[in-house]
Amino acid sequence: MQYVVQNSISVFKTRKGRHFNIVIGNIKMRMGVCRFAHFKTYLSSIHRNIDFKSDKIELTLVKNNLVIELKIDDFLRLFHEVSSIISNQDYLKN
């Protein structure tokens, strides 16, 4: 398990709009449209099952089976940023 410096969580679309960059601390991910939509689905499933008794959330990322631990506040910020981008893009809505 890797602990992340959680000062920075950012999600943004590249200039041409074909890829999305997600930065969680020192972990940087670049995703295409389909993978980004699947990532949102993954975050949604975790969001539905949050146990607020715990103060941390574990995310398993595809790259090298990386498991990171986020504080609930940081996870919620990530979830809302990803959801916000998807809600503003017609081609990403289900």
PDB file of N, CA and C in Angstrom:
ATOM      1  N   MET A   1       0.844  -1.159   0.000  1.00  0.00           N
ATOM      2  CA  MET A   1       0.000   0.000   0.000  1.00  0.00           C
ATOM      3  C   MET A   1       0.895   1.230   0.000  1.00  0.00           C
ATOM      4  N   GLN A   2       0.486   2.205  -0.741  1.00  0.00           N
ATOM      5  CA  GLN A   2       1.263   3.436  -0.816  1.00  0.00           C
ATOM      6  C   GLN A   2       0.448   4.567  -0.203  1.00  0.00           C
ATOM      7  N   TYR A   3       1.092   5.334   0.645  1.00  0.00           N
ATOM      8  CA  TYR A   3       0.445   6.504   1.203  1.00  0.00           C
ATOM      9  C   TYR A   3       0.782   7.686   0.324  1.00  0.00           C
ATOM     10  N   VAL A   4      -0.194   8.509   0.086  1.00  0.00           N
ATOM     11  CA  VAL A   4      -0.051   9.607  -0.862  1.00  0.00           C
ATOM     12  C   VAL A   4      -0.031  10.920  -0.105  1.00  0.00           C
ATOM     13  N   VAL A   5       0.841  11.813  -0.541  1.00  0.00           N
ATOM     14  CA  VAL A   5       0.790  13.172  -0.026  1.00  0.00           C
ATOM     15  C   VAL A   5      -0.458  13.783  -0.646  1.00  0.00           C
ATOM     16  N   GLN A   6      -1.459  14.071   0.166  1.00  0.00           N
ATOM     17  CA  GLN A   6      -2.775  14.370  -0.356  1.00  0.00           C
ATOM     18  C   GLN A   6      -3.055  15.853  -0.516  1.00  0.00           C
ATOM     19  N   ASN A   7      -2.033  16.657  -0.558  1.00  0.00           N
ATOM     20  CA  ASN A   7      -2.254  18.089  -0.696  1.00  0.00           C
ATOM     21  C   ASN A   7      -2.886  18.430  -2.033  1.00  0.00           C
ATOM     22  N   SER A   8      -2.557  17.649  -3.050  1.00  0.00           N
ATOM     23  CA  SER A   8      -3.055  18.016  -4.363  1.00  0.00           C
ATOM     24  C   SER A   8      -3.860  16.885  -4.982  1.00  0.00           C
ATOM     25  N   ILE A   9      -5.086  17.199  -5.286  1.00  0.00           N
ATOM     26  CA  ILE A   9      -5.928  16.316  -6.077  1.00  0.00           C
ATOM     27  C   ILE A   9      -6.496  17.198  -7.170  1.00  0.00           C
ATOM     28  N   SER A  10      -6.223  16.841  -8.410  1.00  0.00           N
ATOM     29  CA  SER A  10      -6.772  17.625  -9.500  1.00  0.00           C
ATOM     30  C   SER A  10      -7.185  16.710 -10.640  1.00  0.00           C
ATOM     31  N   VAL A  11      -8.230  17.121 -11.308  1.00  0.00           N
ATOM     32  CA  VAL A  11      -8.767  16.395 -12.449  1.00  0.00           C
ATOM     33  C   VAL A  11      -9.010  17.429 -13.530  1.00  0.00           C
ATOM     34  N   PHE A  12      -8.450  17.194 -14.711  1.00  0.00           N
ATOM     35  CA  PHE A  12      -8.673  18.155 -15.785  1.00  0.00           C
ATOM     36  C   PHE A  12      -8.601  17.485 -17.151  1.00  0.00           C
ATOM     37  N   LYS A  13      -9.265  18.109 -18.089  1.00  0.00           N
ATOM     38  CA  LYS A  13      -9.319  17.624 -19.465  1.00  0.00           C
ATOM     39  C   LYS A  13      -8.161  18.244 -20.237  1.00  0.00           C
ATOM     40  N   THR A  14      -7.548  17.456 -21.122  1.00  0.00           N
ATOM     41  CA  THR A  14      -6.458  17.999 -21.926  1.00  0.00           C
ATOM     42  C   THR A  14      -7.012  19.000 -22.931  1.00  0.00           C
ATOM     43  N   ARG A  15      -6.133  19.728 -23.530  1.00  0.00           N
ATOM     44  CA  ARG A  15      -6.524  20.808 -24.421  1.00  0.00           C
ATOM     45  C   ARG A  15      -7.429  20.338 -25.560  1.00  0.00           C
ATOM     46  N   LYS A  16      -7.106  19.217 -26.152  1.00  0.00           N
ATOM     47  CA  LYS A  16      -7.910  18.716 -27.270  1.00  0.00           C
ATOM     48  C   LYS A  16      -9.121  17.925 -26.797  1.00  0.00           C
ATOM     49  N   GLY A  17      -9.208  17.652 -25.507  1.00  0.00           N
ATOM     50  CA  GLY A  17     -10.373  17.006 -24.948  1.00  0.00           C
ATOM     51  C   GLY A  17     -10.451  15.506 -25.146  1.00  0.00           C
ATOM     52  N   ARG A  18      -9.384  14.893 -25.597  1.00  0.00           N
ATOM     53  CA  ARG A  18      -9.406  13.452 -25.836  1.00  0.00           C
ATOM     54  C   ARG A  18      -8.941  12.646 -24.633  1.00  0.00           C
ATOM     55  N   HIS A  19      -8.276  13.301 -23.722  1.00  0.00           N
ATOM     56  CA  HIS A  19      -7.757  12.623 -22.542  1.00  0.00           C
ATOM     57  C   HIS A  19      -8.061  13.446 -21.301  1.00  0.00           C
ATOM     58  N   PHE A  20      -8.002  12.758 -20.171  1.00  0.00           N
ATOM     59  CA  PHE A  20      -8.203  13.398 -18.884  1.00  0.00           C
ATOM     60  C   PHE A  20      -6.999  13.073 -18.018  1.00  0.00           C
ATOM     61  N   ASN A  21      -6.525  14.068 -17.307  1.00  0.00           N
ATOM     62  CA  ASN A  21      -5.408  13.873 -16.385  1.00  0.00           C
ATOM     63  C   ASN A  21      -5.940  13.933 -14.960  1.00  0.00           C
ATOM     64  N   ILE A  22      -5.512  12.962 -14.168  1.00  0.00           N
ATOM     65  CA  ILE A  22      -5.878  12.921 -12.761  1.00  0.00           C
ATOM     66  C   ILE A  22      -4.581  12.879 -11.964  1.00  0.00           C
ATOM     67  N   VAL A  23      -4.454  13.794 -11.032  1.00  0.00           N
ATOM     68  CA  VAL A  23      -3.269  13.853 -10.179  1.00  0.00           C
ATOM     69  C   VAL A  23      -3.737  13.722  -8.736  1.00  0.00           C
ATOM     70  N   ILE A  24      -3.238  12.681  -8.082  1.00  0.00           N
ATOM     71  CA  ILE A  24      -3.529  12.456  -6.668  1.00  0.00           C
ATOM     72  C   ILE A  24      -2.174  12.418  -5.974  1.00  0.00           C
ATOM     73  N   GLY A  25      -1.820  13.530  -5.353  1.00  0.00           N
ATOM     74  CA  GLY A  25      -0.509  13.612  -4.719  1.00  0.00           C
ATOM     75  C   GLY A  25       0.593  13.462  -5.753  1.00  0.00           C
ATOM     76  N   ASN A  26       1.413  12.424  -5.597  1.00  0.00           N
ATOM     77  CA  ASN A  26       2.511  12.201  -6.525  1.00  0.00           C
ATOM     78  C   ASN A  26       2.164  11.164  -7.594  1.00  0.00           C
ATOM     79  N   ILE A  27       0.911  10.768  -7.670  1.00  0.00           N
ATOM     80  CA  ILE A  27       0.469   9.788  -8.670  1.00  0.00           C
ATOM     81  C   ILE A  27      -0.240  10.528  -9.791  1.00  0.00           C
ATOM     82  N   LYS A  28       0.228  10.316 -11.017  1.00  0.00           N
ATOM     83  CA  LYS A  28      -0.364  10.973 -12.181  1.00  0.00           C
ATOM     84  C   LYS A  28      -0.910   9.913 -13.117  1.00  0.00           C
ATOM     85  N   MET A  29      -2.153  10.105 -13.541  1.00  0.00           N
ATOM     86  CA  MET A  29      -2.790   9.169 -14.455  1.00  0.00           C
ATOM     87  C   MET A  29      -3.345   9.952 -15.639  1.00  0.00           C
ATOM     88  N   ARG A  30      -3.243   9.357 -16.801  1.00  0.00           N
ATOM     89  CA  ARG A  30      -3.828   9.935 -18.011  1.00  0.00           C
ATOM     90  C   ARG A  30      -4.786   8.898 -18.570  1.00  0.00           C
ATOM     91  N   MET A  31      -6.025   9.297 -18.787  1.00  0.00           N
ATOM     92  CA  MET A  31      -7.053   8.363 -19.226  1.00  0.00           C
ATOM     93  C   MET A  31      -7.749   8.863 -20.469  1.00  0.00           C
ATOM     94  N   GLY A  32      -8.113   7.919 -21.309  1.00  0.00           N
ATOM     95  CA  GLY A  32      -8.963   8.232 -22.442  1.00  0.00           C
ATOM     96  C   GLY A  32     -10.398   8.372 -21.963  1.00  0.00           C
ATOM     97  N   VAL A  33     -11.279   8.700 -22.876  1.00  0.00           N
ATOM     98  CA  VAL A  33     -12.673   8.946 -22.537  1.00  0.00           C
ATOM     99  C   VAL A  33     -13.325   7.729 -21.882  1.00  0.00           C
ATOM    100  N   CYS A  34     -13.175   6.554 -22.480  1.00  0.00           N
ATOM    101  CA  CYS A  34     -13.825   5.348 -21.938  1.00  0.00           C
ATOM    102  C   CYS A  34     -13.285   4.988 -20.559  1.00  0.00           C
ATOM    103  N   ARG A  35     -11.981   5.031 -20.406  1.00  0.00           N
ATOM    104  CA  ARG A  35     -11.390   4.681 -19.110  1.00  0.00           C
ATOM    105  C   ARG A  35     -11.807   5.678 -18.031  1.00  0.00           C
ATOM    106  N   PHE A  36     -11.925   6.940 -18.415  1.00  0.00           N
ATOM    107  CA  PHE A  36     -12.353   7.965 -17.468  1.00  0.00           C
ATOM    108  C   PHE A  36     -13.791   7.698 -17.006  1.00  0.00           C
ATOM    109  N   ALA A  37     -14.660   7.302 -17.934  1.00  0.00           N
ATOM    110  CA  ALA A  37     -16.046   6.969 -17.580  1.00  0.00           C
ATOM    111  C   ALA A  37     -16.079   5.749 -16.654  1.00  0.00           C
ATOM    112  N   HIS A  38     -15.226   4.757 -16.917  1.00  0.00           N
ATOM    113  CA  HIS A  38     -15.155   3.584 -16.044  1.00  0.00           C
ATOM    114  C   HIS A  38     -14.614   3.955 -14.665  1.00  0.00           C
ATOM    115  N   PHE A  39     -13.665   4.886 -14.631  1.00  0.00           N
ATOM    116  CA  PHE A  39     -13.118   5.347 -13.361  1.00  0.00           C
ATOM    117  C   PHE A  39     -14.218   6.002 -12.525  1.00  0.00           C
ATOM    118  N   LYS A  40     -15.072   6.770 -13.172  1.00  0.00           N
ATOM    119  CA  LYS A  40     -16.199   7.399 -12.465  1.00  0.00           C
ATOM    120  C   LYS A  40     -17.132   6.330 -11.915  1.00  0.00           C
ATOM    121  N   THR A  41     -17.387   5.265 -12.678  1.00  0.00           N
ATOM    122  CA  THR A  41     -18.232   4.170 -12.211  1.00  0.00           C
ATOM    123  C   THR A  41     -17.604   3.499 -10.993  1.00  0.00           C
ATOM    124  N   TYR A  42     -16.282   3.294 -11.039  1.00  0.00           N
ATOM    125  CA  TYR A  42     -15.556   2.704  -9.916  1.00  0.00           C
ATOM    126  C   TYR A  42     -15.684   3.579  -8.672  1.00  0.00           C
ATOM    127  N   LEU A  43     -15.484   4.886  -8.838  1.00  0.00           N
ATOM    128  CA  LEU A  43     -15.608   5.801  -7.702  1.00  0.00           C
ATOM    129  C   LEU A  43     -17.035   5.822  -7.166  1.00  0.00           C
ATOM    130  N   SER A  44     -18.019   5.727  -8.053  1.00  0.00           N
ATOM    131  CA  SER A  44     -19.427   5.735  -7.637  1.00  0.00           C
ATOM    132  C   SER A  44     -19.749   4.520  -6.775  1.00  0.00           C
ATOM    133  N   SER A  45     -19.211   3.365  -7.153  1.00  0.00           N
ATOM    134  CA  SER A  45     -19.478   2.159  -6.357  1.00  0.00           C
ATOM    135  C   SER A  45     -18.870   2.278  -4.966  1.00  0.00           C
ATOM    136  N   ILE A  46     -17.712   2.888  -4.865  1.00  0.00           N
ATOM    137  CA  ILE A  46     -17.094   3.111  -3.553  1.00  0.00           C
ATOM    138  C   ILE A  46     -17.902   4.143  -2.771  1.00  0.00           C
ATOM    139  N   HIS A  47     -18.328   5.199  -3.453  1.00  0.00           N
ATOM    140  CA  HIS A  47     -19.087   6.275  -2.823  1.00  0.00           C
ATOM    141  C   HIS A  47     -20.382   5.760  -2.211  1.00  0.00           C
ATOM    142  N   ARG A  48     -21.059   4.846  -2.890  1.00  0.00           N
ATOM    143  CA  ARG A  48     -22.314   4.289  -2.379  1.00  0.00           C
ATOM    144  C   ARG A  48     -22.108   3.480  -1.102  1.00  0.00           C
ATOM    145  N   ASN A  49     -20.913   2.929  -0.931  1.00  0.00           N
ATOM    146  CA  ASN A  49     -20.650   2.033   0.203  1.00  0.00           C
ATOM    147  C   ASN A  49     -19.697   2.615   1.235  1.00  0.00           C
ATOM    148  N   ILE A  50     -19.602   3.919   1.311  1.00  0.00           N
ATOM    149  CA  ILE A  50     -18.679   4.540   2.270  1.00  0.00           C
ATOM    150  C   ILE A  50     -19.118   4.214   3.696  1.00  0.00           C
ATOM    151  N   ASP A  51     -18.153   3.792   4.479  1.00  0.00           N
ATOM    152  CA  ASP A  51     -18.376   3.569   5.907  1.00  0.00           C
ATOM    153  C   ASP A  51     -17.801   4.789   6.627  1.00  0.00           C
ATOM    154  N   PHE A  52     -18.669   5.648   7.104  1.00  0.00           N
ATOM    155  CA  PHE A  52     -18.213   6.893   7.709  1.00  0.00           C
ATOM    156  C   PHE A  52     -17.598   6.691   9.087  1.00  0.00           C
ATOM    157  N   LYS A  53     -17.581   5.457   9.574  1.00  0.00           N
ATOM    158  CA  LYS A  53     -16.892   5.167  10.831  1.00  0.00           C
ATOM    159  C   LYS A  53     -15.380   5.170  10.609  1.00  0.00           C
ATOM    160  N   SER A  54     -14.982   4.864   9.393  1.00  0.00           N
ATOM    161  CA  SER A  54     -13.565   4.880   9.034  1.00  0.00           C
ATOM    162  C   SER A  54     -13.217   6.274   8.521  1.00  0.00           C
ATOM    163  N   ASP A  55     -11.971   6.660   8.652  1.00  0.00           N
ATOM    164  CA  ASP A  55     -11.579   7.983   8.158  1.00  0.00           C
ATOM    165  C   ASP A  55     -10.764   7.894   6.871  1.00  0.00           C
ATOM    166  N   LYS A  56     -10.616   6.687   6.310  1.00  0.00           N
ATOM    167  CA  LYS A  56      -9.814   6.513   5.094  1.00  0.00           C
ATOM    168  C   LYS A  56     -10.536   5.604   4.111  1.00  0.00           C
ATOM    169  N   ILE A  57     -10.219   5.796   2.843  1.00  0.00           N
ATOM    170  CA  ILE A  57     -10.765   4.996   1.746  1.00  0.00           C
ATOM    171  C   ILE A  57      -9.590   4.425   0.970  1.00  0.00           C
ATOM    172  N   GLU A  58      -9.676   3.160   0.602  1.00  0.00           N
ATOM    173  CA  GLU A  58      -8.639   2.543  -0.234  1.00  0.00           C
ATOM    174  C   GLU A  58      -9.101   2.504  -1.679  1.00  0.00           C
ATOM    175  N   LEU A  59      -8.240   2.964  -2.571  1.00  0.00           N
ATOM    176  CA  LEU A  59      -8.490   2.867  -4.007  1.00  0.00           C
ATOM    177  C   LEU A  59      -7.461   1.923  -4.603  1.00  0.00           C
ATOM    178  N   THR A  60      -7.912   1.008  -5.438  1.00  0.00           N
ATOM    179  CA  THR A  60      -6.996   0.135  -6.163  1.00  0.00           C
ATOM    180  C   THR A  60      -6.946   0.630  -7.592  1.00  0.00           C
ATOM    181  N   LEU A  61      -5.783   1.053  -8.018  1.00  0.00           N
ATOM    182  CA  LEU A  61      -5.614   1.583  -9.365  1.00  0.00           C
ATOM    183  C   LEU A  61      -4.994   0.514 -10.251  1.00  0.00           C
ATOM    184  N   VAL A  62      -5.295   0.572 -11.528  1.00  0.00           N
ATOM    185  CA  VAL A  62      -4.884  -0.462 -12.473  1.00  0.00           C
ATOM    186  C   VAL A  62      -3.366  -0.537 -12.614  1.00  0.00           C
ATOM    187  N   LYS A  63      -2.721   0.589 -12.615  1.00  0.00           N
ATOM    188  CA  LYS A  63      -1.282   0.618 -12.856  1.00  0.00           C
ATOM    189  C   LYS A  63      -0.545  -0.121 -11.748  1.00  0.00           C
ATOM    190  N   ASN A  64       0.034  -1.256 -12.073  1.00  0.00           N
ATOM    191  CA  ASN A  64       0.826  -2.074 -11.146  1.00  0.00           C
ATOM    192  C   ASN A  64       0.050  -2.465  -9.890  1.00  0.00           C
ATOM    193  N   ASN A  65      -1.259  -2.615 -10.019  1.00  0.00           N
ATOM    194  CA  ASN A  65      -2.117  -2.947  -8.874  1.00  0.00           C
ATOM    195  C   ASN A  65      -1.833  -2.048  -7.678  1.00  0.00           C
ATOM    196  N   LEU A  66      -1.704  -0.790  -7.930  1.00  0.00           N
ATOM    197  CA  LEU A  66      -1.387   0.195  -6.904  1.00  0.00           C
ATOM    198  C   LEU A  66      -2.590   0.417  -5.998  1.00  0.00           C
ATOM    199  N   VAL A  67      -2.379   0.317  -4.716  1.00  0.00           N
ATOM    200  CA  VAL A  67      -3.427   0.590  -3.738  1.00  0.00           C
ATOM    201  C   VAL A  67      -3.028   1.854  -2.990  1.00  0.00           C
ATOM    202  N   ILE A  68      -3.910   2.837  -3.029  1.00  0.00           N
ATOM    203  CA  ILE A  68      -3.631   4.074  -2.301  1.00  0.00           C
ATOM    204  C   ILE A  68      -4.723   4.293  -1.272  1.00  0.00           C
ATOM    205  N   GLU A  69      -4.384   5.012  -0.258  1.00  0.00           N
ATOM    206  CA  GLU A  69      -5.316   5.305   0.816  1.00  0.00           C
ATOM    207  C   GLU A  69      -5.546   6.808   0.862  1.00  0.00           C
ATOM    208  N   LEU A  70      -6.819   7.204   0.817  1.00  0.00           N
ATOM    209  CA  LEU A  70      -7.180   8.617   0.851  1.00  0.00           C
ATOM    210  C   LEU A  70      -8.055   8.883   2.072  1.00  0.00           C
ATOM    211  N   LYS A  71      -7.943  10.065   2.608  1.00  0.00           N
ATOM    212  CA  LYS A  71      -8.886  10.483   3.639  1.00  0.00           C
ATOM    213  C   LYS A  71     -10.249  10.626   2.972  1.00  0.00           C
ATOM    214  N   ILE A  72     -11.294  10.472   3.735  1.00  0.00           N
ATOM    215  CA  ILE A  72     -12.640  10.556   3.170  1.00  0.00           C
ATOM    216  C   ILE A  72     -12.866  11.904   2.492  1.00  0.00           C
ATOM    217  N   ASP A  73     -12.406  12.984   3.077  1.00  0.00           N
ATOM    218  CA  ASP A  73     -12.583  14.311   2.467  1.00  0.00           C
ATOM    219  C   ASP A  73     -11.905  14.383   1.104  1.00  0.00           C
ATOM    220  N   ASP A  74     -10.700  13.821   0.997  1.00  0.00           N
ATOM    221  CA  ASP A  74      -9.981  13.824  -0.272  1.00  0.00           C
ATOM    222  C   ASP A  74     -10.681  12.948  -1.304  1.00  0.00           C
ATOM    223  N   PHE A  75     -11.198  11.797  -0.852  1.00  0.00           N
ATOM    224  CA  PHE A  75     -11.940  10.933  -1.774  1.00  0.00           C
ATOM    225  C   PHE A  75     -13.185  11.653  -2.298  1.00  0.00           C
ATOM    226  N   LEU A  76     -13.919  12.303  -1.400  1.00  0.00           N
ATOM    227  CA  LEU A  76     -15.127  13.013  -1.819  1.00  0.00           C
ATOM    228  C   LEU A  76     -14.805  14.137  -2.793  1.00  0.00           C
ATOM    229  N   ARG A  77     -13.699  14.817  -2.576  1.00  0.00           N
ATOM    230  CA  ARG A  77     -13.290  15.874  -3.507  1.00  0.00           C
ATOM    231  C   ARG A  77     -12.973  15.283  -4.875  1.00  0.00           C
ATOM    232  N   LEU A  78     -12.246  14.162  -4.904  1.00  0.00           N
ATOM    233  CA  LEU A  78     -11.937  13.481  -6.165  1.00  0.00           C
ATOM    234  C   LEU A  78     -13.222  13.041  -6.862  1.00  0.00           C
ATOM    235  N   PHE A  79     -14.126  12.412  -6.114  1.00  0.00           N
ATOM    236  CA  PHE A  79     -15.387  11.933  -6.678  1.00  0.00           C
ATOM    237  C   PHE A  79     -16.190  13.087  -7.278  1.00  0.00           C
ATOM    238  N   HIS A  80     -16.283  14.193  -6.576  1.00  0.00           N
ATOM    239  CA  HIS A  80     -17.073  15.324  -7.069  1.00  0.00           C
ATOM    240  C   HIS A  80     -16.418  16.006  -8.265  1.00  0.00           C
ATOM    241  N   GLU A  81     -15.106  16.057  -8.311  1.00  0.00           N
ATOM    242  CA  GLU A  81     -14.436  16.637  -9.475  1.00  0.00           C
ATOM    243  C   GLU A  81     -14.669  15.783 -10.719  1.00  0.00           C
ATOM    244  N   VAL A  82     -14.539  14.463 -10.576  1.00  0.00           N
ATOM    245  CA  VAL A  82     -14.770  13.557 -11.706  1.00  0.00           C
ATOM    246  C   VAL A  82     -16.236  13.641 -12.140  1.00  0.00           C
ATOM    247  N   SER A  83     -17.158  13.622 -11.192  1.00  0.00           N
ATOM    248  CA  SER A  83     -18.589  13.711 -11.509  1.00  0.00           C
ATOM    249  C   SER A  83     -18.927  15.024 -12.189  1.00  0.00           C
ATOM    250  N   SER A  84     -18.307  16.088 -11.750  1.00  0.00           N
ATOM    251  CA  SER A  84     -18.553  17.403 -12.330  1.00  0.00           C
ATOM    252  C   SER A  84     -18.123  17.453 -13.793  1.00  0.00           C
ATOM    253  N   ILE A  85     -16.963  16.901 -14.083  1.00  0.00           N
ATOM    254  CA  ILE A  85     -16.492  16.892 -15.473  1.00  0.00           C
ATOM    255  C   ILE A  85     -17.429  16.064 -16.339  1.00  0.00           C
ATOM    256  N   ILE A  86     -17.835  14.912 -15.852  1.00  0.00           N
ATOM    257  CA  ILE A  86     -18.723  14.050 -16.635  1.00  0.00           C
ATOM    258  C   ILE A  86     -20.074  14.708 -16.845  1.00  0.00           C
ATOM    259  N   SER A  87     -20.590  15.392 -15.863  1.00  0.00           N
ATOM    260  CA  SER A  87     -21.906  16.031 -16.018  1.00  0.00           C
ATOM    261  C   SER A  87     -21.866  17.174 -17.030  1.00  0.00           C
ATOM    262  N   ASN A  88     -20.694  17.722 -17.283  1.00  0.00           N
ATOM    263  CA  ASN A  88     -20.568  18.815 -18.261  1.00  0.00           C
ATOM    264  C   ASN A  88     -20.225  18.341 -19.669  1.00  0.00           C
ATOM    265  N   GLN A  89     -20.041  17.034 -19.849  1.00  0.00           N
ATOM    266  CA  GLN A  89     -19.680  16.489 -21.154  1.00  0.00           C
ATOM    267  C   GLN A  89     -20.799  15.559 -21.633  1.00  0.00           C
ATOM    268  N   ASP A  90     -21.528  15.977 -22.652  1.00  0.00           N
ATOM    269  CA  ASP A  90     -22.658  15.168 -23.142  1.00  0.00           C
ATOM    270  C   ASP A  90     -22.241  13.778 -23.575  1.00  0.00           C
ATOM    271  N   TYR A  91     -21.076  13.627 -24.179  1.00  0.00           N
ATOM    272  CA  TYR A  91     -20.651  12.331 -24.695  1.00  0.00           C
ATOM    273  C   TYR A  91     -20.213  11.370 -23.596  1.00  0.00           C
ATOM    274  N   LEU A  92     -20.097  11.823 -22.360  1.00  0.00           N
ATOM    275  CA  LEU A  92     -19.716  10.952 -21.244  1.00  0.00           C
ATOM    276  C   LEU A  92     -20.901  10.514 -20.399  1.00  0.00           C
ATOM    277  N   LYS A  93     -22.038  11.136 -20.573  1.00  0.00           N
ATOM    278  CA  LYS A  93     -23.197  10.802 -19.743  1.00  0.00           C
ATOM    279  C   LYS A  93     -23.746   9.444 -20.158  1.00  0.00           C
ATOM    280  N   ASN A  94     -24.217   8.689 -19.159  1.00  0.00           N
ATOM    281  CA  ASN A  94     -24.835   7.379 -19.429  1.00  0.00           C
ATOM    282  C   ASN A  94     -26.308   7.531 -19.656  1.00  0.00           C
TER     283      ASN A  94
END
